[in-house]
Amino acid sequence: SEGSTLEPLILGGGQERDRRSGTHNVAGIVGTSVALSVTDTHRAGEIARLSALRDQLVSAITSRIACATATLKPGAGIAGTAHVCLENLESESLLYLLDEANVCVSAASACASGAMEPSHVLAAMGVSRERIKGSLRFSLGHTTTASDIAVAIEATVAAAARLGAVTS
């Protein structure tokens, strides 16, 4: 308001009548604009590619591990995330075995990683405690390949078998 004193957050030059310091990063601004444009151009194709990989991953795990169920229906959810539950298996044990196989997964959502409590979201969805205990979240991204998915499938099947699940 009129007569208010503005205190700078960053000290330095007196740009914008001493309201801010520093010069705009024009190259960074232009680069970001180009990157956003390229991303927008390829977005639909990338979503389709990741969705297919996600569905392949979930389908293979649920068909090859008897106690595995998909948390969402095929095609549902965001392209870059797959979620399955392996009933009566412990997520922590699965995480350890998958880590040994160089497959990075989580037992919780990104915002709850490290939490020791069962997922309140899965519980609200009506998922049983026995299934929640064996939940796994796989994240896919622009560098994920069909080969990565094949490795994740085989490692998950092997880990489940090692923990006593019926697999094929």
N, C-alpha and C. Protein backbone atom coordinates (compact mmCIF):
# COMPACT_ATOMS: atom_id res chain seq x y z
N SER A 1 0.84 -1.19 0.00
CA SER A 1 0.00 0.00 0.00
C SER A 1 0.88 1.25 0.00
N GLU A 2 0.28 2.38 -0.17
CA GLU A 2 0.99 3.66 -0.22
C GLU A 2 1.78 3.86 1.06
N GLY A 3 3.05 4.16 0.91
CA GLY A 3 3.90 4.44 2.07
C GLY A 3 4.54 3.21 2.69
N SER A 4 4.25 2.00 2.17
CA SER A 4 4.84 0.77 2.71
C SER A 4 6.29 0.66 2.28
N THR A 5 7.09 0.14 3.17
CA THR A 5 8.49 -0.08 2.85
C THR A 5 8.67 -1.53 2.46
N LEU A 6 9.28 -1.76 1.29
CA LEU A 6 9.55 -3.12 0.84
C LEU A 6 10.97 -3.50 1.22
N GLU A 7 11.12 -4.61 1.91
CA GLU A 7 12.43 -5.11 2.28
C GLU A 7 12.85 -6.14 1.24
N PRO A 8 14.05 -6.01 0.68
CA PRO A 8 14.48 -6.96 -0.35
C PRO A 8 14.73 -8.34 0.24
N LEU A 9 14.39 -9.37 -0.54
CA LEU A 9 14.69 -10.74 -0.15
C LEU A 9 16.11 -11.12 -0.54
N ILE A 10 16.59 -10.50 -1.62
CA ILE A 10 17.94 -10.75 -2.11
C ILE A 10 18.63 -9.40 -2.25
N LEU A 11 19.81 -9.30 -1.71
CA LEU A 11 20.55 -8.04 -1.80
C LEU A 11 21.39 -8.03 -3.07
N GLY A 12 21.56 -6.86 -3.63
CA GLY A 12 22.37 -6.73 -4.84
C GLY A 12 21.97 -5.49 -5.60
N GLY A 13 21.82 -5.64 -6.91
CA GLY A 13 21.49 -4.51 -7.78
C GLY A 13 20.13 -3.92 -7.46
N GLY A 14 19.88 -2.79 -8.04
CA GLY A 14 18.64 -2.07 -7.73
C GLY A 14 17.63 -2.14 -8.86
N GLN A 15 17.40 -3.30 -9.42
CA GLN A 15 16.43 -3.42 -10.50
C GLN A 15 15.02 -3.11 -10.01
N GLU A 16 14.16 -2.76 -10.97
CA GLU A 16 12.76 -2.46 -10.67
C GLU A 16 12.65 -1.42 -9.56
N ARG A 17 13.36 -0.33 -9.69
CA ARG A 17 13.34 0.77 -8.72
C ARG A 17 13.62 0.26 -7.30
N ASP A 18 14.67 -0.55 -7.17
CA ASP A 18 15.12 -1.11 -5.89
C ASP A 18 14.14 -2.11 -5.27
N ARG A 19 13.24 -2.70 -6.07
CA ARG A 19 12.28 -3.67 -5.53
C ARG A 19 12.82 -5.10 -5.59
N ARG A 20 13.78 -5.35 -6.48
CA ARG A 20 14.36 -6.68 -6.56
C ARG A 20 15.80 -6.57 -7.02
N SER A 21 16.54 -7.65 -6.80
CA SER A 21 17.94 -7.70 -7.24
C SER A 21 18.09 -8.72 -8.34
N GLY A 22 19.07 -8.53 -9.16
CA GLY A 22 19.39 -9.51 -10.18
C GLY A 22 18.75 -9.23 -11.51
N THR A 23 19.40 -9.75 -12.54
CA THR A 23 18.92 -9.60 -13.90
C THR A 23 18.18 -10.87 -14.29
N HIS A 24 17.13 -10.72 -15.08
CA HIS A 24 16.39 -11.90 -15.54
C HIS A 24 17.31 -12.83 -16.31
N ASN A 25 17.14 -14.11 -16.11
CA ASN A 25 17.92 -15.13 -16.80
C ASN A 25 17.23 -15.40 -18.14
N VAL A 26 17.51 -14.56 -19.12
CA VAL A 26 16.83 -14.63 -20.41
C VAL A 26 17.06 -15.98 -21.08
N ALA A 27 18.29 -16.48 -21.08
CA ALA A 27 18.56 -17.78 -21.69
C ALA A 27 17.77 -18.88 -21.00
N GLY A 28 17.70 -18.83 -19.68
CA GLY A 28 16.92 -19.81 -18.93
C GLY A 28 15.43 -19.72 -19.23
N ILE A 29 14.93 -18.51 -19.36
CA ILE A 29 13.52 -18.30 -19.66
C ILE A 29 13.19 -18.84 -21.05
N VAL A 30 14.03 -18.52 -22.03
CA VAL A 30 13.81 -19.01 -23.40
C VAL A 30 13.95 -20.53 -23.43
N GLY A 31 14.95 -21.07 -22.76
CA GLY A 31 15.15 -22.52 -22.72
C GLY A 31 13.96 -23.24 -22.10
N THR A 32 13.43 -22.68 -21.02
CA THR A 32 12.25 -23.27 -20.39
C THR A 32 11.06 -23.25 -21.33
N SER A 33 10.90 -22.16 -22.04
CA SER A 33 9.81 -22.05 -23.01
C SER A 33 9.91 -23.12 -24.09
N VAL A 34 11.11 -23.31 -24.62
CA VAL A 34 11.32 -24.33 -25.65
C VAL A 34 11.08 -25.73 -25.08
N ALA A 35 11.59 -25.98 -23.88
CA ALA A 35 11.39 -27.29 -23.25
C ALA A 35 9.91 -27.58 -23.03
N LEU A 36 9.16 -26.59 -22.60
CA LEU A 36 7.72 -26.78 -22.40
C LEU A 36 7.02 -27.05 -23.72
N SER A 37 7.44 -26.38 -24.77
CA SER A 37 6.85 -26.59 -26.09
C SER A 37 7.13 -28.00 -26.60
N VAL A 38 8.37 -28.46 -26.44
CA VAL A 38 8.74 -29.82 -26.86
C VAL A 38 7.96 -30.85 -26.05
N THR A 39 7.88 -30.63 -24.75
CA THR A 39 7.13 -31.54 -23.88
C THR A 39 5.67 -31.61 -24.32
N ASP A 40 5.08 -30.47 -24.60
CA ASP A 40 3.68 -30.44 -25.02
C ASP A 40 3.48 -31.20 -26.33
N THR A 41 4.43 -31.06 -27.25
CA THR A 41 4.35 -31.74 -28.54
C THR A 41 4.35 -33.26 -28.37
N HIS A 42 5.13 -33.76 -27.43
CA HIS A 42 5.30 -35.21 -27.26
C HIS A 42 4.43 -35.80 -26.14
N ARG A 43 3.67 -34.98 -25.46
CA ARG A 43 2.95 -35.43 -24.27
C ARG A 43 1.98 -36.57 -24.55
N ALA A 44 1.13 -36.46 -25.55
CA ALA A 44 0.12 -37.49 -25.82
C ALA A 44 0.78 -38.83 -26.13
N GLY A 45 1.82 -38.81 -26.95
CA GLY A 45 2.52 -40.04 -27.28
C GLY A 45 3.20 -40.66 -26.07
N GLU A 46 3.76 -39.82 -25.21
CA GLU A 46 4.45 -40.31 -24.02
C GLU A 46 3.45 -40.89 -23.02
N ILE A 47 2.30 -40.26 -22.90
CA ILE A 47 1.26 -40.80 -22.01
C ILE A 47 0.81 -42.17 -22.51
N ALA A 48 0.61 -42.30 -23.81
CA ALA A 48 0.19 -43.59 -24.39
C ALA A 48 1.27 -44.65 -24.16
N ARG A 49 2.53 -44.29 -24.37
CA ARG A 49 3.65 -45.23 -24.18
C ARG A 49 3.74 -45.69 -22.73
N LEU A 50 3.69 -44.74 -21.80
CA LEU A 50 3.79 -45.09 -20.38
C LEU A 50 2.57 -45.88 -19.91
N SER A 51 1.39 -45.54 -20.40
CA SER A 51 0.18 -46.28 -20.04
C SER A 51 0.29 -47.74 -20.47
N ALA A 52 0.80 -47.97 -21.68
CA ALA A 52 0.97 -49.34 -22.17
C ALA A 52 1.98 -50.11 -21.31
N LEU A 53 3.09 -49.47 -20.97
CA LEU A 53 4.09 -50.12 -20.11
C LEU A 53 3.51 -50.40 -18.72
N ARG A 54 2.79 -49.44 -18.17
CA ARG A 54 2.16 -49.62 -16.85
C ARG A 54 1.19 -50.79 -16.87
N ASP A 55 0.33 -50.83 -17.89
CA ASP A 55 -0.66 -51.91 -17.98
C ASP A 55 0.01 -53.26 -18.18
N GLN A 56 1.09 -53.30 -18.95
CA GLN A 56 1.85 -54.54 -19.15
C GLN A 56 2.42 -55.02 -17.82
N LEU A 57 2.99 -54.11 -17.06
CA LEU A 57 3.58 -54.44 -15.76
C LEU A 57 2.53 -55.01 -14.81
N VAL A 58 1.43 -54.32 -14.66
CA VAL A 58 0.38 -54.76 -13.74
C VAL A 58 -0.23 -56.08 -14.19
N SER A 59 -0.51 -56.20 -15.48
CA SER A 59 -1.10 -57.42 -16.01
C SER A 59 -0.20 -58.63 -15.78
N ALA A 60 1.08 -58.48 -16.04
CA ALA A 60 2.01 -59.60 -15.85
C ALA A 60 2.13 -59.98 -14.38
N ILE A 61 2.24 -59.01 -13.51
CA ILE A 61 2.38 -59.31 -12.08
C ILE A 61 1.13 -59.99 -11.56
N THR A 62 -0.05 -59.48 -11.91
CA THR A 62 -1.29 -60.07 -11.39
C THR A 62 -1.60 -61.42 -12.02
N SER A 63 -1.11 -61.69 -13.21
CA SER A 63 -1.36 -63.00 -13.82
C SER A 63 -0.34 -64.04 -13.37
N ARG A 64 0.84 -63.61 -12.96
CA ARG A 64 1.89 -64.56 -12.60
C ARG A 64 2.06 -64.78 -11.10
N ILE A 65 1.48 -63.91 -10.28
CA ILE A 65 1.57 -64.07 -8.82
C ILE A 65 0.14 -64.22 -8.31
N ALA A 66 -0.16 -65.40 -7.75
CA ALA A 66 -1.54 -65.72 -7.37
C ALA A 66 -2.14 -64.72 -6.38
N CYS A 67 -1.34 -64.21 -5.46
CA CYS A 67 -1.88 -63.32 -4.43
C CYS A 67 -1.87 -61.85 -4.84
N ALA A 68 -1.46 -61.56 -6.07
CA ALA A 68 -1.34 -60.17 -6.52
C ALA A 68 -2.63 -59.68 -7.15
N THR A 69 -3.01 -58.47 -6.77
CA THR A 69 -4.18 -57.82 -7.37
C THR A 69 -3.82 -56.38 -7.72
N ALA A 70 -4.46 -55.90 -8.77
CA ALA A 70 -4.27 -54.51 -9.17
C ALA A 70 -5.11 -53.62 -8.27
N THR A 71 -4.58 -52.48 -7.91
CA THR A 71 -5.32 -51.54 -7.09
C THR A 71 -6.36 -50.80 -7.92
N LEU A 72 -6.04 -50.53 -9.18
CA LEU A 72 -6.95 -49.83 -10.08
C LEU A 72 -7.26 -50.70 -11.29
N LYS A 73 -8.35 -50.39 -11.95
CA LYS A 73 -8.71 -51.10 -13.18
C LYS A 73 -7.71 -50.74 -14.28
N PRO A 74 -7.51 -51.66 -15.25
CA PRO A 74 -6.60 -51.35 -16.35
C PRO A 74 -6.98 -50.03 -17.03
N GLY A 75 -5.98 -49.23 -17.31
CA GLY A 75 -6.21 -47.95 -17.96
C GLY A 75 -6.55 -46.82 -17.01
N ALA A 76 -6.80 -47.12 -15.75
CA ALA A 76 -7.15 -46.08 -14.78
C ALA A 76 -5.88 -45.53 -14.13
N GLY A 77 -5.97 -44.34 -13.60
CA GLY A 77 -4.85 -43.73 -12.91
C GLY A 77 -3.94 -42.98 -13.86
N ILE A 78 -2.85 -42.47 -13.32
CA ILE A 78 -1.92 -41.72 -14.15
C ILE A 78 -0.96 -42.68 -14.84
N ALA A 79 -0.46 -42.27 -15.99
CA ALA A 79 0.36 -43.14 -16.82
C ALA A 79 1.64 -43.60 -16.13
N GLY A 80 2.24 -42.76 -15.32
CA GLY A 80 3.55 -43.06 -14.76
C GLY A 80 3.55 -43.79 -13.43
N THR A 81 2.42 -44.30 -12.99
CA THR A 81 2.37 -45.00 -11.71
C THR A 81 1.58 -46.29 -11.82
N ALA A 82 2.17 -47.38 -11.34
CA ALA A 82 1.49 -48.68 -11.26
C ALA A 82 1.43 -49.07 -9.80
N HIS A 83 0.32 -49.67 -9.39
CA HIS A 83 0.18 -50.07 -7.99
C HIS A 83 -0.47 -51.44 -7.91
N VAL A 84 0.17 -52.33 -7.16
CA VAL A 84 -0.37 -53.67 -6.93
C VAL A 84 -0.27 -54.00 -5.45
N CYS A 85 -1.09 -54.95 -5.03
CA CYS A 85 -1.02 -55.44 -3.66
C CYS A 85 -0.79 -56.94 -3.71
N LEU A 86 0.13 -57.42 -2.90
CA LEU A 86 0.42 -58.85 -2.80
C LEU A 86 -0.04 -59.30 -1.42
N GLU A 87 -1.20 -59.90 -1.39
CA GLU A 87 -1.86 -60.25 -0.14
C GLU A 87 -1.00 -61.18 0.71
N ASN A 88 -0.94 -60.86 2.00
CA ASN A 88 -0.23 -61.63 3.02
C ASN A 88 1.29 -61.66 2.83
N LEU A 89 1.82 -60.79 2.01
CA LEU A 89 3.27 -60.61 1.93
C LEU A 89 3.60 -59.25 2.53
N GLU A 90 4.80 -59.11 3.04
CA GLU A 90 5.21 -57.86 3.66
C GLU A 90 5.93 -56.97 2.65
N SER A 91 5.46 -55.74 2.52
CA SER A 91 6.09 -54.79 1.60
C SER A 91 7.58 -54.63 1.87
N GLU A 92 7.95 -54.57 3.14
CA GLU A 92 9.35 -54.33 3.48
C GLU A 92 10.24 -55.44 2.94
N SER A 93 9.78 -56.69 3.03
CA SER A 93 10.55 -57.81 2.50
C SER A 93 10.62 -57.75 0.99
N LEU A 94 9.51 -57.41 0.36
CA LEU A 94 9.50 -57.25 -1.10
C LEU A 94 10.45 -56.14 -1.53
N LEU A 95 10.41 -55.02 -0.81
CA LEU A 95 11.29 -53.89 -1.14
C LEU A 95 12.76 -54.30 -1.05
N TYR A 96 13.10 -55.04 -0.03
CA TYR A 96 14.49 -55.48 0.14
C TYR A 96 14.92 -56.36 -1.03
N LEU A 97 14.09 -57.35 -1.37
CA LEU A 97 14.43 -58.26 -2.46
C LEU A 97 14.48 -57.55 -3.81
N LEU A 98 13.55 -56.64 -4.02
CA LEU A 98 13.56 -55.89 -5.28
C LEU A 98 14.76 -54.95 -5.36
N ASP A 99 15.13 -54.37 -4.24
CA ASP A 99 16.32 -53.51 -4.22
C ASP A 99 17.57 -54.32 -4.57
N GLU A 100 17.65 -55.55 -4.06
CA GLU A 100 18.77 -56.43 -4.40
C GLU A 100 18.84 -56.69 -5.90
N ALA A 101 17.66 -56.67 -6.56
CA ALA A 101 17.59 -56.90 -8.01
C ALA A 101 17.68 -55.59 -8.79
N ASN A 102 18.01 -54.50 -8.10
CA ASN A 102 18.12 -53.17 -8.72
C ASN A 102 16.81 -52.66 -9.30
N VAL A 103 15.70 -53.04 -8.66
CA VAL A 103 14.39 -52.52 -9.05
C VAL A 103 13.94 -51.60 -7.93
N CYS A 104 13.73 -50.34 -8.26
CA CYS A 104 13.35 -49.34 -7.27
C CYS A 104 11.84 -49.21 -7.23
N VAL A 105 11.26 -49.51 -6.09
CA VAL A 105 9.81 -49.39 -5.87
C VAL A 105 9.59 -48.79 -4.50
N SER A 106 8.34 -48.52 -4.19
CA SER A 106 7.98 -48.00 -2.89
C SER A 106 6.77 -48.77 -2.36
N ALA A 107 6.62 -48.76 -1.06
CA ALA A 107 5.46 -49.39 -0.45
C ALA A 107 4.38 -48.37 -0.15
N ALA A 108 4.62 -47.12 -0.46
CA ALA A 108 3.66 -46.06 -0.13
C ALA A 108 3.66 -45.02 -1.23
N SER A 109 2.73 -44.10 -1.12
CA SER A 109 2.70 -42.99 -2.06
C SER A 109 3.95 -42.13 -1.84
N ALA A 110 4.29 -41.35 -2.83
CA ALA A 110 5.49 -40.52 -2.73
C ALA A 110 5.43 -39.59 -1.52
N CYS A 111 4.24 -39.11 -1.19
CA CYS A 111 4.12 -38.17 -0.08
C CYS A 111 4.15 -38.88 1.27
N ALA A 112 4.07 -40.22 1.27
CA ALA A 112 4.06 -40.95 2.53
C ALA A 112 5.22 -41.93 2.64
N SER A 113 6.19 -41.86 1.74
CA SER A 113 7.33 -42.77 1.79
C SER A 113 7.99 -42.69 3.16
N GLY A 114 8.29 -43.85 3.70
CA GLY A 114 8.92 -43.91 5.01
C GLY A 114 7.91 -44.04 6.14
N ALA A 115 6.63 -43.86 5.86
CA ALA A 115 5.61 -43.99 6.90
C ALA A 115 5.46 -45.46 7.27
N MET A 116 5.29 -45.73 8.54
CA MET A 116 5.16 -47.10 9.01
C MET A 116 3.69 -47.54 9.10
N GLU A 117 2.78 -46.62 9.01
CA GLU A 117 1.36 -46.94 9.10
C GLU A 117 0.83 -47.41 7.75
N PRO A 118 -0.15 -48.33 7.76
CA PRO A 118 -0.76 -48.74 6.49
C PRO A 118 -1.42 -47.55 5.81
N SER A 119 -1.48 -47.61 4.50
CA SER A 119 -2.04 -46.50 3.72
C SER A 119 -3.49 -46.23 4.07
N HIS A 120 -3.78 -45.02 4.53
CA HIS A 120 -5.16 -44.64 4.82
C HIS A 120 -5.96 -44.49 3.53
N VAL A 121 -5.27 -44.19 2.43
CA VAL A 121 -5.97 -44.06 1.15
C VAL A 121 -6.46 -45.43 0.69
N LEU A 122 -5.58 -46.44 0.75
CA LEU A 122 -6.00 -47.79 0.36
C LEU A 122 -7.11 -48.31 1.28
N ALA A 123 -6.99 -48.02 2.57
CA ALA A 123 -8.04 -48.43 3.51
C ALA A 123 -9.37 -47.77 3.15
N ALA A 124 -9.34 -46.49 2.80
CA ALA A 124 -10.56 -45.77 2.41
C ALA A 124 -11.16 -46.34 1.13
N MET A 125 -10.31 -46.92 0.28
CA MET A 125 -10.78 -47.54 -0.96
C MET A 125 -11.36 -48.93 -0.71
N GLY A 126 -11.30 -49.40 0.54
CA GLY A 126 -11.84 -50.70 0.88
C GLY A 126 -10.86 -51.85 0.72
N VAL A 127 -9.58 -51.53 0.57
CA VAL A 127 -8.56 -52.57 0.43
C VAL A 127 -8.30 -53.17 1.81
N SER A 128 -8.28 -54.50 1.89
CA SER A 128 -8.09 -55.17 3.18
C SER A 128 -6.68 -54.93 3.72
N ARG A 129 -6.56 -55.02 5.02
CA ARG A 129 -5.26 -54.81 5.68
C ARG A 129 -4.23 -55.83 5.18
N GLU A 130 -4.68 -57.06 4.90
CA GLU A 130 -3.78 -58.11 4.41
C GLU A 130 -3.19 -57.74 3.05
N ARG A 131 -3.98 -57.08 2.22
CA ARG A 131 -3.50 -56.64 0.90
C ARG A 131 -2.63 -55.39 1.04
N ILE A 132 -3.05 -54.47 1.91
CA ILE A 132 -2.29 -53.22 2.09
C ILE A 132 -0.86 -53.52 2.55
N LYS A 133 -0.70 -54.51 3.41
CA LYS A 133 0.63 -54.84 3.93
C LYS A 133 1.62 -55.20 2.83
N GLY A 134 1.10 -55.67 1.69
CA GLY A 134 1.97 -56.06 0.58
C GLY A 134 1.84 -55.15 -0.61
N SER A 135 1.61 -53.87 -0.37
CA SER A 135 1.42 -52.95 -1.49
C SER A 135 2.75 -52.48 -2.07
N LEU A 136 2.76 -52.34 -3.39
CA LEU A 136 3.95 -51.86 -4.11
C LEU A 136 3.55 -50.80 -5.11
N ARG A 137 4.30 -49.70 -5.14
CA ARG A 137 4.08 -48.63 -6.13
C ARG A 137 5.31 -48.54 -7.02
N PHE A 138 5.07 -48.70 -8.32
CA PHE A 138 6.12 -48.58 -9.33
C PHE A 138 5.95 -47.24 -10.01
N SER A 139 7.03 -46.51 -10.19
CA SER A 139 6.99 -45.24 -10.92
C SER A 139 7.70 -45.41 -12.25
N LEU A 140 7.06 -44.90 -13.31
CA LEU A 140 7.62 -44.96 -14.66
C LEU A 140 7.84 -43.54 -15.13
N GLY A 141 8.81 -43.36 -16.01
CA GLY A 141 9.08 -42.03 -16.52
C GLY A 141 9.60 -42.07 -17.94
N HIS A 142 10.07 -40.93 -18.41
CA HIS A 142 10.47 -40.83 -19.82
C HIS A 142 11.66 -41.71 -20.18
N THR A 143 12.41 -42.18 -19.20
CA THR A 143 13.53 -43.06 -19.50
C THR A 143 13.18 -44.54 -19.33
N THR A 144 11.98 -44.86 -18.87
CA THR A 144 11.56 -46.24 -18.67
C THR A 144 11.39 -46.94 -20.02
N THR A 145 11.98 -48.15 -20.13
CA THR A 145 11.91 -48.92 -21.37
C THR A 145 11.14 -50.22 -21.15
N ALA A 146 10.81 -50.88 -22.25
CA ALA A 146 10.16 -52.19 -22.18
C ALA A 146 11.08 -53.19 -21.46
N SER A 147 12.37 -53.05 -21.65
CA SER A 147 13.34 -53.91 -20.97
C SER A 147 13.29 -53.69 -19.45
N ASP A 148 13.16 -52.44 -19.03
CA ASP A 148 13.02 -52.14 -17.59
C ASP A 148 11.80 -52.83 -17.01
N ILE A 149 10.71 -52.80 -17.75
CA ILE A 149 9.46 -53.42 -17.29
C ILE A 149 9.64 -54.93 -17.19
N ALA A 150 10.29 -55.54 -18.18
CA ALA A 150 10.54 -56.99 -18.14
C ALA A 150 11.37 -57.37 -16.92
N VAL A 151 12.40 -56.57 -16.63
CA VAL A 151 13.23 -56.82 -15.45
C VAL A 151 12.40 -56.69 -14.17
N ALA A 152 11.57 -55.66 -14.09
CA ALA A 152 10.73 -55.45 -12.90
C ALA A 152 9.75 -56.60 -12.71
N ILE A 153 9.18 -57.08 -13.80
CA ILE A 153 8.24 -58.21 -13.71
C ILE A 153 8.94 -59.44 -13.16
N GLU A 154 10.07 -59.81 -13.78
CA GLU A 154 10.78 -61.02 -13.35
C GLU A 154 11.26 -60.89 -11.91
N ALA A 155 11.75 -59.74 -11.53
CA ALA A 155 12.24 -59.54 -10.16
C ALA A 155 11.09 -59.62 -9.15
N THR A 156 9.93 -59.06 -9.50
CA THR A 156 8.78 -59.09 -8.59
C THR A 156 8.27 -60.51 -8.43
N VAL A 157 8.19 -61.26 -9.53
CA VAL A 157 7.76 -62.66 -9.46
C VAL A 157 8.74 -63.46 -8.61
N ALA A 158 10.03 -63.27 -8.82
CA ALA A 158 11.05 -64.00 -8.05
C ALA A 158 10.98 -63.64 -6.57
N ALA A 159 10.80 -62.36 -6.26
CA ALA A 159 10.71 -61.93 -4.86
C ALA A 159 9.48 -62.54 -4.18
N ALA A 160 8.36 -62.52 -4.88
CA ALA A 160 7.13 -63.09 -4.31
C ALA A 160 7.30 -64.59 -4.08
N ALA A 161 7.91 -65.28 -5.03
CA ALA A 161 8.14 -66.72 -4.89
C ALA A 161 9.06 -67.00 -3.70
N ARG A 162 10.08 -66.20 -3.56
CA ARG A 162 11.02 -66.38 -2.44
C ARG A 162 10.33 -66.20 -1.09
N LEU A 163 9.28 -65.37 -1.08
CA LEU A 163 8.54 -65.14 0.16
C LEU A 163 7.37 -66.10 0.33
N GLY A 164 7.26 -67.08 -0.56
CA GLY A 164 6.26 -68.13 -0.40
C GLY A 164 5.01 -68.00 -1.23
N ALA A 165 4.92 -67.02 -2.10
CA ALA A 165 3.72 -66.86 -2.93
C ALA A 165 3.74 -67.87 -4.06
N VAL A 166 2.55 -68.26 -4.49
CA VAL A 166 2.41 -69.14 -5.65
C VAL A 166 2.60 -68.30 -6.90
N THR A 167 3.55 -68.70 -7.74
CA THR A 167 3.85 -67.93 -8.95
C THR A 167 3.91 -68.86 -10.16
N SER A 168 3.86 -68.24 -11.33
CA SER A 168 4.03 -69.02 -12.57
C SER A 168 4.99 -68.31 -13.49
